[in-house]
Amino acid sequence: MRMWQGVCGISSLSGIVSPAYTICIPNSSAINTQFIYFLFKLPKMINEFYRYSQGLVDDTLGLKFSYFAEIKINIPTIEYQNQTANILLNYKKALQSQKQGLIQKLLTGEWRVKIDE
């Protein structure tokens, strides 16, 4: 797994398999997958993934499940996870909306970008 590069994801499909990635199925009564997704993107977590990865050079580093399972993290209550995940998802949606609006204004020429030469 290349989690040390911030690579992780969530699939809503069942039966997903991958030769390149480890597929984990969390206990949904104790773990909010969206919360864990955001947690795994934090620089502190990415650093932990890097520390536990193995390989000769960065390009060959991989985090095997046996080492991934050794990483200790404090998991808050499911209520806190749900609340935090909802807040972060709302911020993410707002940022995506602003980005889309900005792209549209730039592509239609409504806004112009000055380029200093």
N, C-alpha and C. Protein backbone atom coordinates (compact mmCIF):
# COMPACT_ATOMS: atom_id res chain seq x y z
N MET A 1 0.85 -1.18 0.00
CA MET A 1 0.00 0.00 0.00
C MET A 1 0.89 1.24 0.00
N ARG A 2 0.49 2.22 -0.74
CA ARG A 2 1.26 3.46 -0.83
C ARG A 2 0.62 4.55 0.03
N MET A 3 0.22 4.16 1.23
CA MET A 3 -0.44 5.11 2.13
C MET A 3 0.51 6.21 2.57
N TRP A 4 1.80 5.97 2.51
CA TRP A 4 2.77 7.00 2.88
C TRP A 4 2.75 8.16 1.90
N GLN A 5 2.08 7.99 0.77
CA GLN A 5 1.90 9.06 -0.20
C GLN A 5 0.52 9.71 -0.05
N GLY A 6 -0.23 9.30 0.96
CA GLY A 6 -1.57 9.83 1.16
C GLY A 6 -2.61 9.12 0.32
N VAL A 7 -2.26 7.96 -0.22
CA VAL A 7 -3.17 7.22 -1.08
C VAL A 7 -4.03 6.28 -0.25
N CYS A 8 -5.31 6.58 -0.20
CA CYS A 8 -6.29 5.69 0.41
C CYS A 8 -7.65 6.10 -0.15
N GLY A 9 -8.61 5.25 -0.02
CA GLY A 9 -9.92 5.56 -0.57
C GLY A 9 -11.02 4.76 0.08
N ILE A 10 -12.24 5.14 -0.26
CA ILE A 10 -13.42 4.46 0.25
C ILE A 10 -14.25 4.03 -0.95
N SER A 11 -14.70 2.80 -0.93
CA SER A 11 -15.58 2.30 -1.99
C SER A 11 -16.92 1.91 -1.38
N SER A 12 -17.98 2.32 -2.04
CA SER A 12 -19.32 1.93 -1.58
C SER A 12 -19.74 0.59 -2.18
N LEU A 13 -18.90 0.03 -3.04
CA LEU A 13 -19.20 -1.24 -3.69
C LEU A 13 -18.73 -2.40 -2.82
N SER A 14 -19.44 -3.49 -2.87
CA SER A 14 -18.99 -4.69 -2.16
C SER A 14 -18.29 -5.61 -3.16
N GLY A 15 -17.40 -6.44 -2.65
CA GLY A 15 -16.70 -7.39 -3.50
C GLY A 15 -15.48 -6.80 -4.19
N ILE A 16 -15.03 -5.63 -3.75
CA ILE A 16 -13.87 -5.00 -4.36
C ILE A 16 -12.60 -5.78 -3.99
N VAL A 17 -11.76 -6.02 -4.99
CA VAL A 17 -10.46 -6.66 -4.76
C VAL A 17 -9.40 -5.85 -5.49
N SER A 18 -8.16 -5.96 -5.04
CA SER A 18 -7.08 -5.24 -5.69
C SER A 18 -5.77 -5.97 -5.44
N PRO A 19 -4.97 -6.15 -6.49
CA PRO A 19 -3.65 -6.74 -6.28
C PRO A 19 -2.66 -5.73 -5.69
N ALA A 20 -2.97 -4.44 -5.80
CA ALA A 20 -2.05 -3.40 -5.37
C ALA A 20 -2.36 -2.85 -3.98
N TYR A 21 -3.59 -2.99 -3.53
CA TYR A 21 -3.99 -2.38 -2.27
C TYR A 21 -4.65 -3.41 -1.37
N THR A 22 -4.51 -3.17 -0.08
CA THR A 22 -5.19 -4.00 0.90
C THR A 22 -6.58 -3.44 1.12
N ILE A 23 -7.58 -4.29 1.07
CA ILE A 23 -8.96 -3.88 1.29
C ILE A 23 -9.32 -4.19 2.73
N CYS A 24 -9.74 -3.17 3.46
CA CYS A 24 -10.13 -3.34 4.87
C CYS A 24 -11.62 -3.04 5.00
N ILE A 25 -12.30 -3.83 5.78
CA ILE A 25 -13.72 -3.61 6.05
C ILE A 25 -13.85 -3.29 7.54
N PRO A 26 -14.14 -2.02 7.87
CA PRO A 26 -14.22 -1.65 9.28
C PRO A 26 -15.51 -2.09 9.94
N ASN A 27 -15.48 -2.16 11.24
CA ASN A 27 -16.68 -2.43 12.04
C ASN A 27 -17.53 -1.16 12.01
N SER A 28 -18.62 -1.17 11.25
CA SER A 28 -19.40 0.05 11.05
C SER A 28 -20.10 0.56 12.30
N SER A 29 -20.22 -0.27 13.33
CA SER A 29 -20.83 0.22 14.57
C SER A 29 -19.83 1.01 15.41
N ALA A 30 -18.54 0.89 15.10
CA ALA A 30 -17.51 1.58 15.88
C ALA A 30 -16.67 2.56 15.06
N ILE A 31 -16.73 2.43 13.73
CA ILE A 31 -15.87 3.22 12.85
C ILE A 31 -16.69 3.91 11.77
N ASN A 32 -16.52 5.22 11.64
CA ASN A 32 -17.09 5.98 10.53
C ASN A 32 -16.01 6.05 9.46
N THR A 33 -16.26 5.44 8.31
CA THR A 33 -15.23 5.36 7.27
C THR A 33 -14.81 6.74 6.76
N GLN A 34 -15.74 7.68 6.70
CA GLN A 34 -15.38 9.03 6.26
C GLN A 34 -14.42 9.68 7.25
N PHE A 35 -14.67 9.48 8.54
CA PHE A 35 -13.78 10.02 9.56
C PHE A 35 -12.38 9.44 9.40
N ILE A 36 -12.30 8.11 9.23
CA ILE A 36 -11.01 7.45 9.07
C ILE A 36 -10.31 7.94 7.81
N TYR A 37 -11.07 8.15 6.74
CA TYR A 37 -10.50 8.67 5.50
C TYR A 37 -9.80 10.01 5.76
N PHE A 38 -10.50 10.92 6.43
CA PHE A 38 -9.90 12.22 6.73
C PHE A 38 -8.72 12.07 7.69
N LEU A 39 -8.83 11.20 8.66
CA LEU A 39 -7.75 10.95 9.62
C LEU A 39 -6.50 10.46 8.90
N PHE A 40 -6.67 9.55 7.95
CA PHE A 40 -5.54 8.98 7.22
C PHE A 40 -4.88 9.99 6.28
N LYS A 41 -5.51 11.11 6.03
CA LYS A 41 -4.93 12.15 5.18
C LYS A 41 -4.11 13.16 5.98
N LEU A 42 -4.17 13.09 7.31
CA LEU A 42 -3.41 14.02 8.14
C LEU A 42 -1.91 13.77 8.01
N PRO A 43 -1.10 14.83 7.97
CA PRO A 43 0.36 14.65 7.87
C PRO A 43 0.93 13.72 8.95
N LYS A 44 0.41 13.79 10.15
CA LYS A 44 0.90 12.93 11.23
C LYS A 44 0.69 11.45 10.88
N MET A 45 -0.47 11.12 10.32
CA MET A 45 -0.76 9.73 9.95
C MET A 45 0.09 9.31 8.76
N ILE A 46 0.22 10.19 7.77
CA ILE A 46 1.02 9.86 6.60
C ILE A 46 2.47 9.60 7.02
N ASN A 47 2.96 10.36 7.99
CA ASN A 47 4.31 10.13 8.52
C ASN A 47 4.40 8.75 9.18
N GLU A 48 3.37 8.37 9.92
CA GLU A 48 3.35 7.03 10.53
C GLU A 48 3.36 5.94 9.47
N PHE A 49 2.57 6.13 8.43
CA PHE A 49 2.54 5.15 7.34
C PHE A 49 3.92 5.03 6.70
N TYR A 50 4.59 6.16 6.55
CA TYR A 50 5.94 6.15 5.98
C TYR A 50 6.90 5.38 6.88
N ARG A 51 6.82 5.64 8.17
CA ARG A 51 7.72 4.99 9.14
C ARG A 51 7.56 3.47 9.13
N TYR A 52 6.35 2.99 8.90
CA TYR A 52 6.08 1.55 8.93
C TYR A 52 6.22 0.88 7.56
N SER A 53 6.46 1.67 6.52
CA SER A 53 6.59 1.11 5.17
C SER A 53 7.98 0.52 4.98
N GLN A 54 8.07 -0.42 4.03
CA GLN A 54 9.33 -1.09 3.75
C GLN A 54 9.66 -0.96 2.27
N GLY A 55 10.95 -0.85 1.97
CA GLY A 55 11.43 -0.78 0.60
C GLY A 55 12.79 -0.14 0.57
N LEU A 56 13.51 -0.35 -0.52
CA LEU A 56 14.87 0.18 -0.63
C LEU A 56 14.89 1.68 -0.87
N VAL A 57 14.00 2.15 -1.71
CA VAL A 57 13.90 3.58 -2.01
C VAL A 57 12.43 3.97 -1.96
N ASP A 58 12.16 5.27 -1.93
CA ASP A 58 10.78 5.73 -1.81
C ASP A 58 9.85 5.11 -2.85
N ASP A 59 10.35 4.95 -4.08
CA ASP A 59 9.49 4.43 -5.14
C ASP A 59 9.05 2.99 -4.89
N THR A 60 9.80 2.25 -4.10
CA THR A 60 9.43 0.85 -3.84
C THR A 60 8.83 0.64 -2.45
N LEU A 61 8.65 1.73 -1.70
CA LEU A 61 8.08 1.60 -0.35
C LEU A 61 6.65 1.08 -0.42
N GLY A 62 6.34 0.19 0.48
CA GLY A 62 4.98 -0.33 0.60
C GLY A 62 4.67 -0.61 2.05
N LEU A 63 3.43 -0.41 2.41
CA LEU A 63 2.98 -0.67 3.79
C LEU A 63 2.17 -1.96 3.78
N LYS A 64 2.77 -3.02 4.26
CA LYS A 64 2.08 -4.31 4.33
C LYS A 64 1.05 -4.27 5.45
N PHE A 65 -0.01 -5.07 5.28
CA PHE A 65 -1.08 -5.04 6.26
C PHE A 65 -0.59 -5.39 7.66
N SER A 66 0.34 -6.32 7.77
CA SER A 66 0.83 -6.71 9.10
C SER A 66 1.45 -5.52 9.83
N TYR A 67 2.13 -4.64 9.10
CA TYR A 67 2.71 -3.44 9.72
C TYR A 67 1.64 -2.36 9.91
N PHE A 68 0.74 -2.24 8.95
CA PHE A 68 -0.37 -1.30 9.07
C PHE A 68 -1.17 -1.58 10.34
N ALA A 69 -1.40 -2.85 10.63
CA ALA A 69 -2.18 -3.25 11.80
C ALA A 69 -1.48 -2.92 13.11
N GLU A 70 -0.17 -2.72 13.07
CA GLU A 70 0.59 -2.37 14.28
C GLU A 70 0.47 -0.89 14.66
N ILE A 71 0.05 -0.05 13.73
CA ILE A 71 -0.01 1.38 13.98
C ILE A 71 -1.14 1.67 14.97
N LYS A 72 -0.78 2.32 16.06
CA LYS A 72 -1.75 2.64 17.11
C LYS A 72 -2.35 4.02 16.85
N ILE A 73 -3.67 4.08 16.85
CA ILE A 73 -4.35 5.37 16.74
C ILE A 73 -5.48 5.41 17.76
N ASN A 74 -5.70 6.60 18.27
CA ASN A 74 -6.81 6.78 19.21
C ASN A 74 -8.08 7.05 18.41
N ILE A 75 -9.07 6.22 18.60
CA ILE A 75 -10.33 6.36 17.90
C ILE A 75 -11.36 6.94 18.87
N PRO A 76 -11.92 8.11 18.55
CA PRO A 76 -12.95 8.67 19.43
C PRO A 76 -14.26 7.90 19.29
N THR A 77 -15.24 8.29 20.07
CA THR A 77 -16.55 7.63 20.02
C THR A 77 -17.15 7.77 18.62
N ILE A 78 -18.04 6.87 18.29
CA ILE A 78 -18.69 6.91 16.98
C ILE A 78 -19.48 8.20 16.81
N GLU A 79 -20.04 8.71 17.89
CA GLU A 79 -20.79 9.96 17.81
C GLU A 79 -19.87 11.11 17.40
N TYR A 80 -18.70 11.17 18.02
CA TYR A 80 -17.74 12.22 17.68
C TYR A 80 -17.25 12.05 16.24
N GLN A 81 -16.99 10.82 15.84
CA GLN A 81 -16.56 10.54 14.47
C GLN A 81 -17.62 11.02 13.48
N ASN A 82 -18.89 10.69 13.74
CA ASN A 82 -19.97 11.09 12.85
C ASN A 82 -20.06 12.61 12.73
N GLN A 83 -19.99 13.28 13.87
CA GLN A 83 -20.09 14.74 13.89
C GLN A 83 -18.92 15.37 13.12
N THR A 84 -17.73 14.91 13.38
CA THR A 84 -16.54 15.45 12.72
C THR A 84 -16.56 15.17 11.22
N ALA A 85 -16.92 13.97 10.86
CA ALA A 85 -16.98 13.61 9.43
C ALA A 85 -18.00 14.47 8.70
N ASN A 86 -19.16 14.72 9.31
CA ASN A 86 -20.18 15.56 8.68
C ASN A 86 -19.67 16.98 8.46
N ILE A 87 -18.99 17.54 9.46
CA ILE A 87 -18.42 18.89 9.32
C ILE A 87 -17.41 18.93 8.18
N LEU A 88 -16.50 17.97 8.16
CA LEU A 88 -15.46 17.94 7.13
C LEU A 88 -16.04 17.71 5.74
N LEU A 89 -17.06 16.85 5.64
CA LEU A 89 -17.70 16.62 4.34
C LEU A 89 -18.39 17.89 3.84
N ASN A 90 -19.03 18.64 4.75
CA ASN A 90 -19.68 19.89 4.36
C ASN A 90 -18.65 20.91 3.87
N TYR A 91 -17.51 21.01 4.55
CA TYR A 91 -16.44 21.89 4.09
C TYR A 91 -15.91 21.45 2.73
N LYS A 92 -15.75 20.15 2.56
CA LYS A 92 -15.25 19.63 1.29
C LYS A 92 -16.21 19.96 0.15
N LYS A 93 -17.51 19.79 0.39
CA LYS A 93 -18.52 20.12 -0.64
C LYS A 93 -18.50 21.60 -0.96
N ALA A 94 -18.38 22.45 0.07
CA ALA A 94 -18.34 23.90 -0.15
C ALA A 94 -17.11 24.29 -0.98
N LEU A 95 -15.97 23.70 -0.68
CA LEU A 95 -14.76 23.98 -1.45
C LEU A 95 -14.89 23.52 -2.90
N GLN A 96 -15.50 22.35 -3.11
CA GLN A 96 -15.70 21.85 -4.47
C GLN A 96 -16.63 22.78 -5.26
N SER A 97 -17.65 23.28 -4.59
CA SER A 97 -18.59 24.20 -5.23
C SER A 97 -17.88 25.51 -5.61
N GLN A 98 -17.07 26.04 -4.71
CA GLN A 98 -16.33 27.26 -5.01
C GLN A 98 -15.34 27.03 -6.15
N LYS A 99 -14.69 25.89 -6.15
CA LYS A 99 -13.74 25.56 -7.20
C LYS A 99 -14.44 25.49 -8.55
N GLN A 100 -15.61 24.84 -8.57
CA GLN A 100 -16.36 24.72 -9.82
C GLN A 100 -16.78 26.09 -10.34
N GLY A 101 -17.24 26.95 -9.43
CA GLY A 101 -17.63 28.30 -9.83
C GLY A 101 -16.46 29.10 -10.37
N LEU A 102 -15.31 28.98 -9.74
CA LEU A 102 -14.11 29.68 -10.19
C LEU A 102 -13.69 29.18 -11.57
N ILE A 103 -13.71 27.88 -11.77
CA ILE A 103 -13.34 27.32 -13.07
C ILE A 103 -14.28 27.83 -14.16
N GLN A 104 -15.56 27.87 -13.86
CA GLN A 104 -16.54 28.33 -14.85
C GLN A 104 -16.29 29.79 -15.21
N LYS A 105 -16.01 30.63 -14.21
CA LYS A 105 -15.75 32.05 -14.49
C LYS A 105 -14.48 32.23 -15.31
N LEU A 106 -13.48 31.42 -15.04
CA LEU A 106 -12.24 31.51 -15.80
C LEU A 106 -12.42 31.02 -17.23
N LEU A 107 -13.16 29.92 -17.40
CA LEU A 107 -13.34 29.35 -18.74
C LEU A 107 -14.24 30.20 -19.62
N THR A 108 -15.21 30.88 -19.03
CA THR A 108 -16.12 31.73 -19.82
C THR A 108 -15.53 33.10 -20.09
N GLY A 109 -14.40 33.41 -19.47
CA GLY A 109 -13.77 34.71 -19.66
C GLY A 109 -14.32 35.79 -18.76
N GLU A 110 -15.26 35.44 -17.88
CA GLU A 110 -15.80 36.43 -16.95
C GLU A 110 -14.69 36.98 -16.06
N TRP A 111 -13.77 36.13 -15.69
CA TRP A 111 -12.59 36.54 -14.93
C TRP A 111 -11.36 36.28 -15.78
N ARG A 112 -10.41 37.16 -15.70
CA ARG A 112 -9.15 37.01 -16.42
C ARG A 112 -8.01 36.95 -15.41
N VAL A 113 -7.00 36.20 -15.75
CA VAL A 113 -5.82 36.09 -14.90
C VAL A 113 -4.68 36.83 -15.58
N LYS A 114 -4.11 37.79 -14.84
CA LYS A 114 -2.96 38.52 -15.37
C LYS A 114 -1.71 37.69 -15.15
N ILE A 115 -0.93 37.58 -16.20
CA ILE A 115 0.32 36.83 -16.12
C ILE A 115 1.47 37.82 -16.26
N ASP A 116 2.26 37.94 -15.22
CA ASP A 116 3.43 38.83 -15.26
C ASP A 116 4.55 38.14 -16.02
N GLU A 117 5.12 38.88 -16.94
CA GLU A 117 6.22 38.31 -17.72
C GLU A 117 7.53 38.92 -17.32
